[in-house]
Protein backbone atom coordinates (compact mmCIF):
# COMPACT_ATOMS: atom_id res chain seq x y z
CA MET A 1 28.26 -18.24 -35.14
CA THR A 2 28.67 -16.25 -31.93
CA LYS A 3 26.24 -13.37 -31.60
CA LEU A 4 27.39 -9.87 -30.77
CA VAL A 5 26.61 -8.90 -27.15
CA VAL A 6 25.58 -5.29 -26.54
CA ASN A 7 25.18 -3.74 -23.08
CA VAL A 8 22.62 -0.94 -22.95
CA ALA A 9 21.58 1.42 -20.14
CA ILE A 10 17.84 2.21 -20.04
CA ALA A 11 16.16 5.01 -18.07
CA LEU A 12 12.61 4.78 -16.79
CA LEU A 13 11.61 8.34 -15.94
CA PHE A 14 8.51 8.80 -13.77
CA HIS A 15 6.30 11.83 -13.15
CA GLN A 16 2.89 11.52 -11.43
CA SER A 17 2.95 7.78 -12.23
CA LYS A 18 3.42 8.48 -15.96
CA VAL A 19 6.44 7.24 -17.92
CA LEU A 20 8.56 9.10 -20.51
CA VAL A 21 8.64 7.43 -23.94
CA GLY A 22 10.20 8.27 -27.32
CA TRP A 23 10.27 6.91 -30.89
CA ARG A 24 13.04 4.98 -32.67
CA ASN A 25 13.81 6.12 -36.21
CA ALA A 26 13.57 3.60 -39.05
CA GLU A 27 17.36 3.39 -39.55
CA GLN A 28 17.98 2.37 -35.94
CA HIS A 29 18.09 -1.23 -34.68
CA GLN A 30 14.47 -2.23 -33.94
CA GLY A 31 13.41 0.99 -35.68
CA ASN A 32 9.88 2.37 -36.10
CA LYS A 33 9.07 1.40 -32.52
CA TYR A 34 8.66 3.19 -29.21
CA GLU A 35 11.55 3.30 -26.76
CA PHE A 36 12.67 4.43 -23.34
CA PRO A 37 15.65 6.81 -23.09
CA GLY A 38 19.01 5.08 -23.13
CA GLY A 39 21.87 3.79 -25.22
CA LYS A 40 25.03 1.71 -25.35
CA ILE A 41 27.34 1.62 -22.37
CA GLU A 42 30.70 3.03 -23.43
CA GLN A 43 34.04 1.58 -22.43
CA GLY A 44 35.01 2.67 -18.93
CA GLU A 45 31.42 3.59 -17.95
CA THR A 46 29.29 1.94 -15.31
CA PRO A 47 25.69 1.24 -16.37
CA GLU A 48 24.43 4.02 -14.08
CA GLN A 49 26.92 6.53 -15.50
CA ALA A 50 25.79 5.61 -19.00
CA CYS A 51 22.15 6.01 -17.99
CA ARG A 52 22.80 9.47 -16.54
CA ARG A 53 24.77 10.53 -19.64
CA GLU A 54 22.18 9.25 -22.12
CA VAL A 55 19.33 11.03 -20.34
CA PHE A 56 21.25 14.29 -20.37
CA GLU A 57 22.13 13.93 -24.08
CA GLU A 58 18.77 12.62 -25.33
CA VAL A 59 16.20 14.11 -22.97
CA GLY A 60 18.02 17.26 -21.90
CA ILE A 61 17.80 16.94 -18.11
CA GLY A 62 20.39 15.97 -15.52
CA ILE A 63 19.20 13.58 -12.81
CA GLN A 64 21.54 12.38 -10.08
CA ASP A 65 19.40 10.04 -7.97
CA TRP A 66 18.81 6.70 -9.69
CA HIS A 67 17.45 3.36 -8.51
CA ILE A 68 18.24 -0.05 -9.96
CA PHE A 69 15.14 -1.47 -11.65
CA ASP A 70 16.26 -4.72 -13.28
CA VAL A 71 18.75 -6.35 -15.65
CA ILE A 72 17.20 -8.13 -18.63
CA SER A 73 18.90 -10.16 -21.36
CA HIS A 74 17.16 -10.71 -24.71
CA ALA A 75 18.44 -12.59 -27.76
CA TYR A 76 17.47 -11.22 -31.18
CA ASP A 77 18.33 -13.00 -34.44
CA ASP A 78 21.48 -10.91 -34.88
CA VAL A 79 22.47 -9.71 -31.41
CA ILE A 80 22.12 -10.36 -27.66
CA VAL A 81 21.09 -7.23 -25.74
CA ASN A 82 21.67 -6.85 -22.01
CA LEU A 83 19.41 -4.09 -20.68
CA HIS A 84 20.59 -2.42 -17.46
CA LEU A 85 17.50 -0.60 -16.19
CA PHE A 86 17.28 2.31 -13.76
CA HIS A 87 14.38 4.49 -12.67
CA ALA A 88 14.18 8.04 -11.36
CA LYS A 89 11.70 10.74 -10.45
CA VAL A 90 11.41 13.81 -12.69
CA GLU A 91 10.61 16.91 -10.68
CA THR A 92 8.04 19.37 -12.04
CA ALA A 93 10.76 22.00 -12.47
CA TYR A 94 12.41 19.82 -15.15
CA LEU A 95 9.33 19.32 -17.33
CA GLU A 96 9.87 22.34 -19.60
CA GLU A 97 13.48 21.31 -20.24
CA ILE A 98 12.56 17.92 -21.74
CA GLN A 99 13.36 17.82 -25.45
CA LYS A 100 10.83 16.75 -28.07
CA PRO A 101 9.59 14.26 -29.19
CA TRP A 102 9.75 12.62 -25.74
CA THR A 103 6.21 12.21 -24.42
CA TRP A 104 4.56 11.20 -21.15
CA TYR A 105 2.30 8.13 -21.28
CA THR A 106 0.10 6.55 -18.63
CA ARG A 107 0.96 3.01 -17.66
CA ASP A 108 -2.23 1.76 -19.32
CA GLN A 109 -1.21 3.45 -22.58
CA LEU A 110 2.19 1.73 -22.55
CA LEU A 111 0.49 -1.62 -23.23
CA GLU A 112 -0.93 -0.22 -26.49
CA LEU A 113 2.43 0.96 -27.88
CA ASN A 114 4.72 -1.04 -30.15
CA PHE A 115 7.95 -1.60 -28.22
CA PRO A 116 10.85 -3.95 -29.12
CA LYS A 117 10.36 -7.49 -27.81
CA ALA A 118 13.15 -7.02 -25.27
CA ASN A 119 10.95 -4.43 -23.50
CA GLN A 120 7.93 -6.67 -22.88
CA THR A 121 9.17 -7.70 -19.43
CA ILE A 122 9.59 -4.02 -18.53
CA LEU A 123 6.03 -3.21 -19.61
CA GLN A 124 4.58 -6.03 -17.52
CA ARG A 125 6.37 -4.67 -14.48
CA LEU A 126 5.39 -1.04 -15.07
CA PHE A 127 1.69 -1.83 -15.43
CA TRP A 128 -0.31 -2.26 -12.23
CA GLN A 129 -3.93 -3.39 -12.08
CA HIS A 130 -6.09 -0.60 -10.64
CA PHE A 131 -7.71 -2.73 -7.91
CA ILE A 132 -6.02 -4.46 -4.98
CA LYS A 133 -7.99 -6.77 -2.70
CA ILE A 134 -6.61 -7.24 0.81
CA SER A 135 -7.39 -10.55 2.48
CA GLU A 136 -6.14 -12.95 5.14
CA HIS A 137 -7.52 -15.89 3.14
CA LEU A 138 -5.02 -17.14 0.59
CA SER A 139 -7.58 -19.28 -1.21
CA GLU A 140 -9.41 -16.14 -2.40
CA ILE A 141 -6.64 -15.62 -4.98
CA GLU A 142 -8.22 -18.36 -7.11
CA ALA A 143 -11.53 -16.49 -7.48
CA LEU A 144 -9.88 -13.12 -8.02
CA ASN A 145 -11.10 -10.91 -10.85
CA THR A 146 -8.43 -10.57 -13.55
CA ASN A 147 -8.42 -6.77 -13.03
CA TYR A 148 -7.28 -7.25 -9.42
CA LEU A 149 -4.12 -7.93 -7.47
CA MET A 150 -4.40 -9.45 -3.98
CA TYR A 151 -2.35 -8.55 -0.93
CA TRP A 152 -2.30 -11.59 1.35
CA ARG A 153 -2.10 -9.88 4.75
CA VAL A 154 -0.92 -12.33 7.41
CA ASN A 155 1.63 -12.08 10.22
CA SER A 156 2.96 -15.63 10.09
CA LEU A 157 3.48 -18.42 7.60
CA GLU A 158 2.21 -21.96 8.10
CA HIS A 159 3.60 -25.09 6.46
CA ASP A 160 0.28 -25.68 4.69
CA ASP A 161 0.52 -22.18 3.20
CA ILE A 162 3.75 -23.05 1.42
CA GLN A 163 2.22 -26.25 0.05
CA TYR A 164 -0.80 -24.31 -1.20
CA LEU A 165 1.37 -21.66 -2.84
CA MET A 166 3.41 -24.31 -4.63
CA GLN A 167 0.23 -25.65 -6.24
CA LEU A 168 -0.81 -22.27 -7.69
CA ASP A 169 0.02 -21.56 -11.30
CA GLU A 170 2.46 -18.83 -12.24
CA ALA A 171 -0.23 -16.41 -13.46
CA LEU A 172 -1.90 -16.36 -10.03
CA LEU A 173 1.39 -16.00 -8.16
CA LYS A 174 2.18 -12.95 -10.29
CA ARG A 175 -0.98 -11.28 -8.98
CA LEU A 176 -0.20 -12.05 -5.34
CA ILE A 177 1.39 -9.51 -2.97
CA VAL A 178 3.06 -10.66 0.25
CA ASN A 179 4.85 -8.76 2.99
CA ILE A 180 8.64 -8.77 2.97
CA SER A 181 8.75 -10.78 6.24
CA ILE A 182 6.59 -13.52 4.67
CA TRP A 183 8.49 -13.46 1.37
CA GLN A 184 11.79 -14.00 3.16
CA GLN A 185 10.44 -17.23 4.67
CA LEU A 186 9.46 -18.72 1.32
CA PRO A 187 11.64 -21.19 -0.59
CA GLN A 188 13.57 -19.59 -3.42
CA SER A 189 11.42 -21.34 -6.03
CA LEU A 190 8.39 -19.39 -4.75
CA GLN A 191 10.26 -16.13 -4.17
CA SER A 192 11.18 -16.05 -7.86
CA GLN A 193 7.53 -16.42 -8.92
CA ILE A 194 5.93 -13.83 -6.65
CA PHE A 195 5.96 -10.51 -8.47
CA THR A 196 5.26 -7.94 -5.74
CA ILE A 197 6.50 -7.47 -2.15
CA HIS A 198 4.79 -5.26 0.45
CA PHE A 199 6.49 -3.21 3.17
CA LYS A 200 4.61 -1.87 6.20
CA GLN A 201 5.30 1.78 7.04
CA SER A 202 7.57 0.74 9.93
CA GLN A 203 9.51 -1.48 7.52
CA VAL A 204 9.76 1.37 5.02
CA MET A 205 11.24 3.70 7.63
CA GLN A 206 13.82 1.08 8.63
CA ALA A 207 14.68 -0.08 5.11
CA GLN A 208 17.84 0.67 3.16
CA PRO A 209 18.11 0.76 -0.66
CA GLN A 210 19.76 -2.67 -0.74
CA ASP A 211 16.70 -4.13 1.02
CA LEU A 212 14.62 -3.64 -2.12
CA ASN A 213 15.06 -6.74 -4.28
CA MET A 214 15.53 -5.67 -7.90
CA ASN A 215 13.91 -8.83 -9.29
CA VAL A 216 10.46 -8.01 -7.85
CA ARG A 217 8.21 -4.98 -7.52
CA CYS A 218 8.06 -3.35 -4.10
CA ILE A 219 5.01 -1.50 -2.76
CA ALA A 220 5.11 0.59 0.43
CA ALA A 221 2.40 1.31 2.99
CA CYS A 222 2.44 5.04 3.79
CA HIS A 223 0.32 7.21 6.06
CA ASP A 224 1.99 10.62 5.77
CA LEU A 225 4.36 12.81 3.76
CA VAL A 226 7.48 11.60 5.57
CA SER A 227 6.91 7.93 4.75
CA LEU A 228 5.79 8.74 1.18
CA ASP A 229 8.97 10.73 0.53
CA ARG A 230 11.13 7.99 2.00
CA ALA A 231 9.42 5.33 -0.12
CA GLN A 232 10.24 7.27 -3.29
CA LYS A 233 13.82 8.00 -2.24
CA LEU A 234 14.39 4.29 -1.55
CA GLY A 235 13.07 3.33 -4.99
CA PHE A 236 9.67 1.77 -4.25
CA GLU A 237 7.53 1.32 -7.37
CA ALA A 238 4.09 2.00 -5.82
CA VAL A 239 2.48 2.89 -2.49
CA PHE A 240 -0.67 2.36 -0.47
CA LEU A 241 -1.71 5.72 1.03
CA SER A 242 -4.15 5.42 3.94
CA PRO A 243 -6.54 5.81 5.59
CA VAL A 244 -8.45 8.03 3.21
CA LEU A 245 -11.84 7.60 4.94
CA ALA A 246 -13.02 6.04 8.19
CA THR A 247 -13.44 2.27 8.23
CA GLN A 248 -15.70 -0.04 10.21
CA SER A 249 -12.70 -1.88 11.66
CA HIS A 250 -10.92 1.34 12.79
CA PRO A 251 -13.63 4.00 13.18
CA ASP A 252 -11.56 6.17 15.56
CA THR A 253 -8.39 6.28 13.44
CA LYS A 254 -7.52 9.75 12.13
CA THR A 255 -8.15 9.90 8.39
CA LEU A 256 -6.44 11.83 5.61
CA GLY A 257 -9.59 12.89 3.79
CA TRP A 258 -9.60 13.54 0.06
CA GLU A 259 -7.99 16.99 0.28
CA ILE A 260 -4.86 15.82 2.10
CA PHE A 261 -4.75 12.61 0.09
CA GLU A 262 -4.71 14.60 -3.16
CA SER A 263 -2.01 16.98 -1.93
CA LEU A 264 0.24 13.97 -1.26
CA ALA A 265 -0.69 11.79 -4.23
CA LYS A 266 -0.26 14.47 -6.91
CA GLU A 267 3.39 14.92 -5.91
CA SER A 268 4.13 11.21 -6.17
CA ALA A 269 6.05 9.96 -9.20
CA ILE A 270 4.86 6.40 -8.67
CA PRO A 271 1.36 4.85 -8.55
CA VAL A 272 -0.59 5.64 -5.38
CA PHE A 273 -3.38 3.29 -4.27
CA ALA A 274 -6.06 4.91 -2.11
CA LEU A 275 -6.89 2.71 0.88
CA GLY A 276 -9.34 3.07 3.74
CA GLY A 277 -13.14 3.12 3.59
CA LEU A 278 -13.25 2.71 -0.20
CA LYS A 279 -15.13 0.45 -2.60
CA PRO A 280 -14.17 -0.64 -6.13
CA GLU A 281 -16.75 1.79 -7.55
CA ASP A 282 -14.79 4.66 -5.93
CA LEU A 283 -11.99 4.29 -8.51
CA ALA A 284 -13.12 7.21 -10.70
CA LYS A 285 -13.40 9.54 -7.71
CA ALA A 286 -10.03 8.41 -6.38
CA GLN A 287 -8.41 9.05 -9.76
CA GLN A 288 -9.87 12.57 -9.76
CA HIS A 289 -7.77 13.04 -6.61
CA HIS A 290 -4.59 11.72 -8.31
CA ALA A 291 -4.86 8.10 -7.16
CA TYR A 292 -3.73 5.41 -9.57
CA GLY A 293 -6.01 2.78 -8.08
CA VAL A 294 -7.98 1.71 -5.03
CA ALA A 295 -7.52 -1.03 -2.45
CA GLY A 296 -9.70 -2.44 0.28
CA ILE A 297 -10.75 -5.36 2.45
CA SER A 298 -14.45 -5.98 3.11
CA ALA A 299 -15.83 -4.00 0.14
CA PHE A 300 -13.54 -5.85 -2.26
């Protein structure tokens, strides 16, 4: 028996790195579970048009600027659901217009909520570990704490590097971050397993929306308001913001300091990782200044 195929548009709405979530009534398909805003794509609609319409009808706000997040297909016992996912920033001015019972949840809290099975891939992508180690040594990924991601910061790719990467299991590759220039040199089999791509600030300023691959997460390196704004407008899912404090390797580099860092981070709709002169034990202080997490080299 051929299963019914349903195309659904889903909206991931972000504000200060939190995500808007609702509740499915018992009489709905996959009822008594949490949900993201969205609904069926009507005849003659594009997925993005359906997403915009559903958010206006269900949430009560009109958002024009959307970014493609992913397309996920999931087979239930009775139906195949194709989820067309988009994400957008919710400005502070819209907050009072949001209808109840939609509620903002932190990304950590999302993992504790009961969502339909089709949403599990979305939750894995929305959640970021709070620590990112930066290293030139690829082998350090194998000793990495499970609460960490690792950005492998190199300027070139050697043949032995590819062989080493191909021997790593999928769980480790999912915690590895590589720069876009390195990722583009990898065979497709490895590209599909690496979960997060890094863009330097210069690459962010030159990038176009189509340069962000929708099958992986993209994190941007930013040093000022201009680059941070551009990263969000392009659809990046997280940013490094640096340097917060002076570092031993670059003692003369002008720093942001906590006051400027906070003024930038609190306006970001996506997770901001504080970088520069920080240690893992600085996480609580960084979060008091609106950071999502911390990143570093020697102290990590």
